[in-house]
Amino acid sequence: MASSSCGKHSRFHGIRCRGGKWVSEIREPRKTRRIWLGTYPTPEMAAAAYDVAALALKRGDAVLNFPSSIASYPVPASTSPEDIRSAAAAAAALQWNEEANNSLKQRERQKKQEDDMRMMMNSSSLASSVGIDEEELFGMPNLLTEMAEGMLLSPPRPPDYPDSSGNSDGGESGLWSF
């Protein structure tokens, strides 16, 4: 969901766009200093970098972008800016690999769908070129005859309908009276 417009990202915490790239930084708790986490090509990478830093600095109070990915994030050796920055870069690289894998899987799915569509089109053109009689295959002549015969049948009587032998229209039947 990369955007060409610059500014804060509406969905992720701790990132913003600068010059078409996504940057991430975090403020150290109870201090005015910020730790620069890096510049990344996608907002997801910058958000993953922020998550690692937030976990290292804020622990349980951290608001995360990807809470389900906590187990896969690298843990910084200490709370020093250098260690946090290197762990954040590693998390961004993991995010990049995950995005690449998802993109590859999506391309494979799309290629399979295209191949299936091509095969289906080829088989239908083959069927028409070989001369398969589709009317015979689906029983069309008999189907139309059976439908016409069905229109000649009387409608079924309800189970509680009294059988009247003297009156062919059913007498005081509520079924056909208006």
N, C-alpha and C. Protein backbone atom coordinates (compact mmCIF):
# COMPACT_ATOMS: atom_id res chain seq x y z
N MET A 1 0.82 -1.17 0.00
CA MET A 1 0.00 0.00 0.00
C MET A 1 0.87 1.24 0.00
N ALA A 2 1.90 1.25 -0.77
CA ALA A 2 2.79 2.40 -0.85
C ALA A 2 2.07 3.55 -1.51
N SER A 3 2.35 4.72 -1.02
CA SER A 3 1.68 5.90 -1.52
C SER A 3 2.72 6.89 -2.01
N SER A 4 2.39 7.63 -3.08
CA SER A 4 3.32 8.61 -3.60
C SER A 4 3.24 9.91 -2.82
N SER A 5 2.12 10.14 -2.13
CA SER A 5 2.02 11.35 -1.33
C SER A 5 2.80 11.16 -0.04
N CYS A 6 3.38 12.23 0.43
CA CYS A 6 4.21 12.13 1.62
C CYS A 6 3.42 12.50 2.86
N GLY A 7 3.89 12.04 3.98
CA GLY A 7 3.26 12.33 5.25
C GLY A 7 3.14 11.08 6.08
N LYS A 8 2.39 11.19 7.17
CA LYS A 8 2.19 10.05 8.05
C LYS A 8 1.32 9.00 7.37
N HIS A 9 1.57 7.78 7.72
CA HIS A 9 0.75 6.68 7.19
C HIS A 9 -0.48 6.55 8.07
N SER A 10 -1.63 6.36 7.46
CA SER A 10 -2.88 6.33 8.21
C SER A 10 -3.07 5.02 8.98
N ARG A 11 -2.36 3.96 8.59
CA ARG A 11 -2.59 2.67 9.22
C ARG A 11 -1.47 2.24 10.16
N PHE A 12 -0.24 2.66 9.91
CA PHE A 12 0.89 2.20 10.69
C PHE A 12 1.42 3.29 11.62
N HIS A 13 1.88 2.86 12.78
CA HIS A 13 2.47 3.77 13.76
C HIS A 13 3.96 3.92 13.51
N GLY A 14 4.49 5.10 13.79
CA GLY A 14 5.93 5.32 13.80
C GLY A 14 6.60 5.45 12.45
N ILE A 15 5.83 5.64 11.38
CA ILE A 15 6.44 5.76 10.06
C ILE A 15 5.87 6.97 9.34
N ARG A 16 6.60 7.44 8.36
CA ARG A 16 6.12 8.51 7.48
C ARG A 16 6.85 8.42 6.16
N CYS A 17 6.30 9.09 5.17
CA CYS A 17 6.88 9.09 3.83
C CYS A 17 7.71 10.35 3.64
N ARG A 18 8.92 10.18 3.14
CA ARG A 18 9.78 11.32 2.82
C ARG A 18 10.43 11.03 1.47
N GLY A 19 10.07 11.85 0.51
CA GLY A 19 10.67 11.70 -0.82
C GLY A 19 10.38 10.38 -1.49
N GLY A 20 9.19 9.81 -1.25
CA GLY A 20 8.82 8.56 -1.89
C GLY A 20 9.32 7.32 -1.15
N LYS A 21 10.10 7.49 -0.09
CA LYS A 21 10.58 6.36 0.72
C LYS A 21 9.91 6.44 2.08
N TRP A 22 9.89 5.32 2.76
CA TRP A 22 9.26 5.25 4.08
C TRP A 22 10.33 5.24 5.16
N VAL A 23 10.19 6.14 6.11
CA VAL A 23 11.17 6.25 7.19
C VAL A 23 10.51 5.90 8.51
N SER A 24 11.32 5.42 9.43
CA SER A 24 10.81 5.02 10.73
C SER A 24 11.75 5.53 11.81
N GLU A 25 11.14 6.03 12.89
CA GLU A 25 11.91 6.46 14.05
C GLU A 25 11.02 6.32 15.27
N ILE A 26 11.65 6.29 16.43
CA ILE A 26 10.90 6.13 17.68
C ILE A 26 11.54 7.01 18.74
N ARG A 27 10.71 7.59 19.59
CA ARG A 27 11.22 8.40 20.69
C ARG A 27 11.48 7.49 21.88
N GLU A 28 12.61 7.71 22.53
CA GLU A 28 12.92 6.94 23.72
C GLU A 28 11.99 7.38 24.85
N PRO A 29 11.49 6.42 25.65
CA PRO A 29 10.57 6.78 26.73
C PRO A 29 11.23 7.72 27.75
N ARG A 30 10.48 8.72 28.17
CA ARG A 30 10.89 9.71 29.15
C ARG A 30 12.13 10.50 28.74
N LYS A 31 12.38 10.58 27.44
CA LYS A 31 13.50 11.36 26.91
C LYS A 31 13.02 12.10 25.67
N THR A 32 13.75 13.13 25.28
CA THR A 32 13.39 13.87 24.08
C THR A 32 14.09 13.34 22.84
N ARG A 33 15.06 12.45 23.02
CA ARG A 33 15.81 11.91 21.88
C ARG A 33 14.98 10.90 21.11
N ARG A 34 15.29 10.85 19.82
CA ARG A 34 14.66 9.86 18.95
C ARG A 34 15.73 8.92 18.40
N ILE A 35 15.34 7.71 18.17
CA ILE A 35 16.24 6.73 17.55
C ILE A 35 15.79 6.58 16.10
N TRP A 36 16.69 6.86 15.18
CA TRP A 36 16.44 6.71 13.75
C TRP A 36 16.54 5.23 13.41
N LEU A 37 15.46 4.69 12.82
CA LEU A 37 15.43 3.25 12.52
C LEU A 37 15.74 2.94 11.07
N GLY A 38 15.66 3.92 10.20
CA GLY A 38 16.05 3.69 8.83
C GLY A 38 15.02 4.15 7.81
N THR A 39 15.43 4.02 6.55
CA THR A 39 14.61 4.36 5.39
C THR A 39 14.35 3.07 4.62
N TYR A 40 13.09 2.85 4.23
CA TYR A 40 12.70 1.58 3.62
C TYR A 40 11.82 1.82 2.39
N PRO A 41 11.82 0.87 1.46
CA PRO A 41 11.02 1.05 0.24
C PRO A 41 9.51 0.86 0.43
N THR A 42 9.09 0.12 1.45
CA THR A 42 7.65 -0.11 1.66
C THR A 42 7.25 0.30 3.07
N PRO A 43 6.00 0.68 3.25
CA PRO A 43 5.54 1.04 4.59
C PRO A 43 5.55 -0.14 5.55
N GLU A 44 5.34 -1.34 5.04
CA GLU A 44 5.33 -2.52 5.89
C GLU A 44 6.71 -2.78 6.50
N MET A 45 7.74 -2.56 5.72
CA MET A 45 9.10 -2.75 6.24
C MET A 45 9.39 -1.74 7.35
N ALA A 46 9.04 -0.49 7.11
CA ALA A 46 9.26 0.55 8.12
C ALA A 46 8.44 0.26 9.38
N ALA A 47 7.23 -0.24 9.21
CA ALA A 47 6.38 -0.56 10.35
C ALA A 47 6.95 -1.72 11.15
N ALA A 48 7.53 -2.73 10.48
CA ALA A 48 8.15 -3.84 11.20
C ALA A 48 9.36 -3.36 11.99
N ALA A 49 10.13 -2.44 11.41
CA ALA A 49 11.28 -1.88 12.13
C ALA A 49 10.81 -1.14 13.38
N TYR A 50 9.73 -0.39 13.25
CA TYR A 50 9.18 0.33 14.40
C TYR A 50 8.72 -0.65 15.48
N ASP A 51 8.08 -1.75 15.08
CA ASP A 51 7.60 -2.73 16.06
C ASP A 51 8.73 -3.28 16.92
N VAL A 52 9.86 -3.62 16.29
CA VAL A 52 10.99 -4.16 17.04
C VAL A 52 11.49 -3.14 18.05
N ALA A 53 11.61 -1.89 17.63
CA ALA A 53 12.08 -0.84 18.53
C ALA A 53 11.08 -0.59 19.66
N ALA A 54 9.79 -0.60 19.33
CA ALA A 54 8.76 -0.38 20.35
C ALA A 54 8.78 -1.49 21.39
N LEU A 55 8.96 -2.73 20.94
CA LEU A 55 9.03 -3.84 21.89
C LEU A 55 10.25 -3.72 22.80
N ALA A 56 11.38 -3.29 22.23
CA ALA A 56 12.61 -3.17 23.02
C ALA A 56 12.52 -2.04 24.04
N LEU A 57 11.89 -0.94 23.67
CA LEU A 57 11.86 0.23 24.55
C LEU A 57 10.63 0.29 25.46
N LYS A 58 9.49 -0.12 24.96
CA LYS A 58 8.25 0.06 25.72
C LYS A 58 7.67 -1.23 26.28
N ARG A 59 8.19 -2.36 25.87
CA ARG A 59 7.78 -3.69 26.30
C ARG A 59 6.26 -3.89 26.16
N GLY A 60 5.57 -4.13 27.25
CA GLY A 60 4.13 -4.43 27.22
C GLY A 60 3.26 -3.25 26.86
N ASP A 61 3.79 -2.01 26.98
CA ASP A 61 3.01 -0.83 26.65
C ASP A 61 3.09 -0.47 25.17
N ALA A 62 3.82 -1.25 24.40
CA ALA A 62 4.03 -0.93 22.99
C ALA A 62 2.76 -1.13 22.17
N VAL A 63 2.48 -0.16 21.32
CA VAL A 63 1.40 -0.28 20.34
C VAL A 63 2.06 -0.76 19.05
N LEU A 64 1.70 -1.95 18.62
CA LEU A 64 2.38 -2.58 17.49
C LEU A 64 1.56 -2.51 16.21
N ASN A 65 2.27 -2.49 15.10
CA ASN A 65 1.63 -2.53 13.79
C ASN A 65 1.25 -3.95 13.40
N PHE A 66 2.10 -4.91 13.76
CA PHE A 66 1.87 -6.32 13.43
C PHE A 66 1.98 -7.16 14.71
N PRO A 67 0.96 -7.14 15.57
CA PRO A 67 1.06 -7.88 16.83
C PRO A 67 1.19 -9.39 16.64
N SER A 68 0.72 -9.92 15.54
CA SER A 68 0.81 -11.37 15.31
C SER A 68 2.22 -11.81 14.93
N SER A 69 3.11 -10.86 14.65
CA SER A 69 4.47 -11.21 14.21
C SER A 69 5.50 -11.11 15.33
N ILE A 70 5.07 -10.94 16.56
CA ILE A 70 6.01 -10.74 17.67
C ILE A 70 7.02 -11.89 17.74
N ALA A 71 6.57 -13.11 17.59
CA ALA A 71 7.46 -14.27 17.74
C ALA A 71 8.55 -14.30 16.67
N SER A 72 8.29 -13.73 15.51
CA SER A 72 9.28 -13.80 14.43
C SER A 72 10.27 -12.63 14.45
N TYR A 73 10.02 -11.62 15.28
CA TYR A 73 10.90 -10.45 15.32
C TYR A 73 12.21 -10.77 16.04
N PRO A 74 13.32 -10.22 15.54
CA PRO A 74 14.59 -10.38 16.26
C PRO A 74 14.57 -9.50 17.53
N VAL A 75 15.27 -9.96 18.56
CA VAL A 75 15.34 -9.22 19.82
C VAL A 75 16.69 -8.51 19.88
N PRO A 76 16.69 -7.20 20.12
CA PRO A 76 17.97 -6.48 20.22
C PRO A 76 18.78 -6.97 21.42
N ALA A 77 20.10 -6.94 21.29
CA ALA A 77 20.97 -7.39 22.37
C ALA A 77 20.85 -6.49 23.59
N SER A 78 20.60 -5.21 23.38
CA SER A 78 20.42 -4.26 24.48
C SER A 78 19.47 -3.16 24.02
N THR A 79 19.28 -2.17 24.86
CA THR A 79 18.42 -1.04 24.49
C THR A 79 19.23 0.12 23.91
N SER A 80 20.46 -0.14 23.54
CA SER A 80 21.26 0.91 22.91
C SER A 80 20.72 1.20 21.51
N PRO A 81 20.82 2.44 21.05
CA PRO A 81 20.30 2.77 19.71
C PRO A 81 20.89 1.91 18.60
N GLU A 82 22.17 1.56 18.70
CA GLU A 82 22.80 0.74 17.66
C GLU A 82 22.19 -0.66 17.60
N ASP A 83 21.98 -1.28 18.77
CA ASP A 83 21.40 -2.63 18.80
C ASP A 83 19.95 -2.61 18.32
N ILE A 84 19.21 -1.59 18.73
CA ILE A 84 17.82 -1.48 18.29
C ILE A 84 17.75 -1.25 16.79
N ARG A 85 18.63 -0.40 16.27
CA ARG A 85 18.65 -0.12 14.84
C ARG A 85 18.98 -1.37 14.03
N SER A 86 19.95 -2.17 14.49
CA SER A 86 20.31 -3.39 13.73
C SER A 86 19.19 -4.43 13.80
N ALA A 87 18.52 -4.57 14.95
CA ALA A 87 17.40 -5.51 15.05
C ALA A 87 16.22 -5.03 14.19
N ALA A 88 16.01 -3.72 14.15
CA ALA A 88 14.94 -3.16 13.32
C ALA A 88 15.21 -3.42 11.84
N ALA A 89 16.46 -3.27 11.43
CA ALA A 89 16.81 -3.55 10.04
C ALA A 89 16.59 -5.02 9.70
N ALA A 90 16.91 -5.90 10.66
CA ALA A 90 16.69 -7.34 10.43
C ALA A 90 15.20 -7.65 10.30
N ALA A 91 14.38 -7.01 11.13
CA ALA A 91 12.93 -7.23 11.04
C ALA A 91 12.38 -6.72 9.71
N ALA A 92 12.90 -5.58 9.24
CA ALA A 92 12.46 -5.05 7.95
C ALA A 92 12.85 -6.00 6.82
N ALA A 93 14.04 -6.59 6.92
CA ALA A 93 14.47 -7.56 5.91
C ALA A 93 13.56 -8.79 5.91
N LEU A 94 13.17 -9.24 7.10
CA LEU A 94 12.23 -10.37 7.18
C LEU A 94 10.90 -10.02 6.53
N GLN A 95 10.46 -8.79 6.78
CA GLN A 95 9.21 -8.33 6.17
C GLN A 95 9.34 -8.30 4.65
N TRP A 96 10.48 -7.84 4.16
CA TRP A 96 10.74 -7.79 2.71
C TRP A 96 10.67 -9.20 2.12
N ASN A 97 11.30 -10.17 2.81
CA ASN A 97 11.27 -11.56 2.34
C ASN A 97 9.85 -12.10 2.33
N GLU A 98 9.09 -11.78 3.37
CA GLU A 98 7.70 -12.24 3.43
C GLU A 98 6.88 -11.64 2.30
N GLU A 99 7.07 -10.35 2.04
CA GLU A 99 6.35 -9.70 0.94
C GLU A 99 6.74 -10.32 -0.39
N ALA A 100 8.03 -10.62 -0.57
CA ALA A 100 8.49 -11.24 -1.81
C ALA A 100 7.88 -12.63 -1.98
N ASN A 101 7.82 -13.40 -0.88
CA ASN A 101 7.20 -14.73 -0.95
C ASN A 101 5.72 -14.64 -1.28
N ASN A 102 5.03 -13.69 -0.65
CA ASN A 102 3.60 -13.52 -0.94
C ASN A 102 3.39 -13.11 -2.39
N SER A 103 4.25 -12.23 -2.88
CA SER A 103 4.14 -11.79 -4.27
C SER A 103 4.39 -12.95 -5.22
N LEU A 104 5.36 -13.78 -4.91
CA LEU A 104 5.67 -14.94 -5.74
C LEU A 104 4.50 -15.92 -5.74
N LYS A 105 3.91 -16.17 -4.57
CA LYS A 105 2.77 -17.08 -4.49
C LYS A 105 1.59 -16.52 -5.28
N GLN A 106 1.39 -15.21 -5.21
CA GLN A 106 0.28 -14.59 -5.94
C GLN A 106 0.51 -14.72 -7.45
N ARG A 107 1.76 -14.51 -7.90
CA ARG A 107 2.05 -14.67 -9.33
C ARG A 107 1.84 -16.11 -9.77
N GLU A 108 2.24 -17.08 -8.92
CA GLU A 108 2.04 -18.48 -9.26
C GLU A 108 0.55 -18.82 -9.37
N ARG A 109 -0.26 -18.30 -8.42
CA ARG A 109 -1.70 -18.53 -8.47
C ARG A 109 -2.30 -17.94 -9.74
N GLN A 110 -1.86 -16.73 -10.09
CA GLN A 110 -2.38 -16.06 -11.28
C GLN A 110 -1.99 -16.85 -12.53
N LYS A 111 -0.75 -17.33 -12.58
CA LYS A 111 -0.30 -18.11 -13.73
C LYS A 111 -1.11 -19.41 -13.85
N LYS A 112 -1.37 -20.07 -12.71
CA LYS A 112 -2.16 -21.30 -12.74
C LYS A 112 -3.57 -21.01 -13.25
N GLN A 113 -4.18 -19.90 -12.81
CA GLN A 113 -5.52 -19.55 -13.28
C GLN A 113 -5.50 -19.29 -14.79
N GLU A 114 -4.47 -18.59 -15.26
CA GLU A 114 -4.36 -18.33 -16.70
C GLU A 114 -4.19 -19.62 -17.48
N ASP A 115 -3.35 -20.54 -16.95
CA ASP A 115 -3.15 -21.83 -17.62
C ASP A 115 -4.45 -22.63 -17.65
N ASP A 116 -5.18 -22.64 -16.53
CA ASP A 116 -6.45 -23.36 -16.48
C ASP A 116 -7.44 -22.78 -17.49
N MET A 117 -7.49 -21.45 -17.57
CA MET A 117 -8.40 -20.80 -18.52
C MET A 117 -8.00 -21.14 -19.95
N ARG A 118 -6.70 -21.11 -20.23
CA ARG A 118 -6.21 -21.43 -21.57
C ARG A 118 -6.55 -22.88 -21.93
N MET A 119 -6.38 -23.80 -20.96
CA MET A 119 -6.67 -25.20 -21.21
C MET A 119 -8.17 -25.40 -21.45
N MET A 120 -8.99 -24.69 -20.68
CA MET A 120 -10.43 -24.80 -20.86
C MET A 120 -10.85 -24.27 -22.23
N MET A 121 -10.27 -23.16 -22.66
CA MET A 121 -10.59 -22.60 -23.97
C MET A 121 -10.13 -23.54 -25.08
N ASN A 122 -8.95 -24.15 -24.91
CA ASN A 122 -8.45 -25.09 -25.92
C ASN A 122 -9.34 -26.32 -25.99
N SER A 123 -9.80 -26.83 -24.84
CA SER A 123 -10.63 -28.03 -24.88
C SER A 123 -12.00 -27.74 -25.49
N SER A 124 -12.55 -26.54 -25.25
CA SER A 124 -13.84 -26.23 -25.87
C SER A 124 -13.70 -26.02 -27.37
N SER A 125 -12.58 -25.42 -27.80
CA SER A 125 -12.38 -25.26 -29.25
C SER A 125 -12.09 -26.61 -29.89
N LEU A 126 -11.42 -27.50 -29.17
CA LEU A 126 -11.15 -28.84 -29.68
C LEU A 126 -12.47 -29.60 -29.83
N ALA A 127 -13.34 -29.45 -28.85
CA ALA A 127 -14.62 -30.15 -28.91
C ALA A 127 -15.43 -29.67 -30.11
N SER A 128 -15.41 -28.37 -30.40
CA SER A 128 -16.17 -27.88 -31.53
C SER A 128 -15.52 -28.27 -32.85
N SER A 129 -14.19 -28.38 -32.87
CA SER A 129 -13.52 -28.75 -34.12
C SER A 129 -13.64 -30.25 -34.40
N VAL A 130 -13.72 -31.08 -33.36
CA VAL A 130 -13.86 -32.51 -33.54
C VAL A 130 -15.28 -32.85 -33.98
N GLY A 131 -16.25 -32.07 -33.59
CA GLY A 131 -17.62 -32.29 -34.02
C GLY A 131 -18.46 -33.01 -33.00
N ILE A 132 -18.29 -32.73 -31.73
CA ILE A 132 -19.12 -33.34 -30.70
C ILE A 132 -20.50 -32.70 -30.78
N ASP A 133 -21.52 -33.53 -30.82
CA ASP A 133 -22.89 -33.03 -30.89
C ASP A 133 -23.36 -32.71 -29.48
N GLU A 134 -23.35 -31.43 -29.14
CA GLU A 134 -23.72 -31.02 -27.78
C GLU A 134 -25.19 -31.26 -27.50
N GLU A 135 -26.05 -31.17 -28.53
CA GLU A 135 -27.47 -31.43 -28.32
C GLU A 135 -27.69 -32.87 -27.91
N GLU A 136 -26.96 -33.77 -28.55
CA GLU A 136 -27.08 -35.18 -28.20
C GLU A 136 -26.46 -35.45 -26.84
N LEU A 137 -25.34 -34.77 -26.56
CA LEU A 137 -24.64 -34.96 -25.29
C LEU A 137 -25.55 -34.60 -24.12
N PHE A 138 -26.29 -33.52 -24.22
CA PHE A 138 -27.16 -33.08 -23.14
C PHE A 138 -28.60 -33.57 -23.30
N GLY A 139 -28.89 -34.36 -24.33
CA GLY A 139 -30.22 -34.91 -24.54
C GLY A 139 -31.26 -33.85 -24.85
N MET A 140 -30.91 -32.87 -25.63
CA MET A 140 -31.81 -31.75 -25.91
C MET A 140 -33.10 -32.16 -26.63
N PRO A 141 -33.06 -32.97 -27.69
CA PRO A 141 -34.34 -33.30 -28.34
C PRO A 141 -35.32 -33.97 -27.38
N ASN A 142 -34.85 -34.91 -26.59
CA ASN A 142 -35.72 -35.60 -25.63
C ASN A 142 -36.14 -34.67 -24.51
N LEU A 143 -35.28 -33.79 -24.10
CA LEU A 143 -35.59 -32.88 -23.01
C LEU A 143 -36.78 -31.99 -23.37
N LEU A 144 -36.77 -31.45 -24.59
CA LEU A 144 -37.87 -30.59 -25.02
C LEU A 144 -39.18 -31.37 -25.12
N THR A 145 -39.14 -32.60 -25.62
CA THR A 145 -40.33 -33.43 -25.71
C THR A 145 -40.88 -33.74 -24.32
N GLU A 146 -40.01 -34.08 -23.39
CA GLU A 146 -40.45 -34.39 -22.02
C GLU A 146 -41.04 -33.17 -21.34
N MET A 147 -40.48 -31.99 -21.61
CA MET A 147 -41.04 -30.77 -21.03
C MET A 147 -42.44 -30.51 -21.58
N ALA A 148 -42.65 -30.75 -22.88
CA ALA A 148 -43.97 -30.55 -23.50
C ALA A 148 -44.98 -31.53 -22.92
N GLU A 149 -44.58 -32.79 -22.72
CA GLU A 149 -45.48 -33.79 -22.13
C GLU A 149 -45.83 -33.40 -20.70
N GLY A 150 -44.91 -32.82 -19.99
CA GLY A 150 -45.17 -32.41 -18.61
C GLY A 150 -46.23 -31.34 -18.52
N MET A 151 -46.38 -30.53 -19.55
CA MET A 151 -47.39 -29.48 -19.55
C MET A 151 -48.80 -30.05 -19.73
N LEU A 152 -48.91 -31.27 -20.26
CA LEU A 152 -50.21 -31.89 -20.49
C LEU A 152 -50.76 -32.58 -19.25
N LEU A 153 -49.94 -32.79 -18.24
CA LEU A 153 -50.37 -33.48 -17.03
C LEU A 153 -51.20 -32.57 -16.14
N SER A 154 -52.13 -33.15 -15.40
CA SER A 154 -52.91 -32.38 -14.42
C SER A 154 -52.01 -32.06 -13.23
N PRO A 155 -52.30 -30.94 -12.57
CA PRO A 155 -51.49 -30.60 -11.40
C PRO A 155 -51.74 -31.60 -10.28
N PRO A 156 -50.78 -31.83 -9.43
CA PRO A 156 -50.97 -32.81 -8.34
C PRO A 156 -52.00 -32.29 -7.34
N ARG A 157 -52.74 -33.24 -6.77
CA ARG A 157 -53.75 -32.89 -5.78
C ARG A 157 -53.10 -32.82 -4.41
N PRO A 158 -53.62 -31.94 -3.56
CA PRO A 158 -53.09 -31.89 -2.19
C PRO A 158 -53.42 -33.18 -1.45
N PRO A 159 -52.61 -33.56 -0.46
CA PRO A 159 -52.85 -34.84 0.24
C PRO A 159 -54.19 -34.89 0.97
N ASP A 160 -54.72 -33.78 1.42
CA ASP A 160 -55.98 -33.79 2.16
C ASP A 160 -57.19 -33.52 1.26
N TYR A 161 -57.04 -33.62 -0.03
CA TYR A 161 -58.09 -33.34 -0.99
C TYR A 161 -59.06 -34.51 -1.04
N PRO A 162 -60.40 -34.25 -0.87
CA PRO A 162 -61.37 -35.36 -0.93
C PRO A 162 -61.55 -35.82 -2.39
N ASP A 163 -61.52 -37.10 -2.61
CA ASP A 163 -61.65 -37.65 -3.95
C ASP A 163 -63.11 -37.65 -4.36
N SER A 164 -63.42 -36.90 -5.40
CA SER A 164 -64.80 -36.86 -5.89
C SER A 164 -64.83 -37.52 -7.26
N SER A 165 -65.57 -38.59 -7.37
CA SER A 165 -65.60 -39.33 -8.63
C SER A 165 -66.61 -38.75 -9.61
N GLY A 166 -67.61 -38.00 -9.12
CA GLY A 166 -68.65 -37.50 -10.02
C GLY A 166 -68.29 -36.21 -10.72
N ASN A 167 -67.43 -35.43 -10.19
CA ASN A 167 -67.15 -34.12 -10.77
C ASN A 167 -65.71 -34.07 -11.26
N SER A 168 -65.54 -33.82 -12.55
CA SER A 168 -64.19 -33.87 -13.11
C SER A 168 -63.36 -32.64 -12.74
N ASP A 169 -64.03 -31.52 -12.44
CA ASP A 169 -63.26 -30.31 -12.11
C ASP A 169 -62.99 -30.20 -10.62
N GLY A 170 -63.44 -31.14 -9.84
CA GLY A 170 -63.15 -31.15 -8.41
C GLY A 170 -64.24 -30.52 -7.58
N GLY A 171 -65.32 -30.10 -8.17
CA GLY A 171 -66.44 -29.56 -7.40
C GLY A 171 -66.08 -28.25 -6.71
N GLU A 172 -66.19 -28.25 -5.38
CA GLU A 172 -65.93 -27.04 -4.61
C GLU A 172 -64.46 -26.89 -4.23
N SER A 173 -63.63 -27.37 -5.06
CA SER A 173 -62.19 -27.34 -4.79
C SER A 173 -61.70 -25.91 -4.65
N GLY A 174 -60.89 -25.67 -3.64
CA GLY A 174 -60.29 -24.35 -3.44
C GLY A 174 -59.06 -24.14 -4.28
N LEU A 175 -58.60 -25.20 -4.90
CA LEU A 175 -57.36 -25.10 -5.66
C LEU A 175 -57.52 -24.26 -6.91
N TRP A 176 -58.61 -24.44 -7.65
CA TRP A 176 -58.76 -23.72 -8.92
C TRP A 176 -59.87 -22.69 -8.89
N SER A 177 -60.55 -22.52 -7.78
CA SER A 177 -61.64 -21.54 -7.74
C SER A 177 -61.06 -20.16 -7.38
N PHE A 178 -61.70 -19.14 -7.94
CA PHE A 178 -61.19 -17.78 -7.71
C PHE A 178 -62.17 -16.96 -6.98
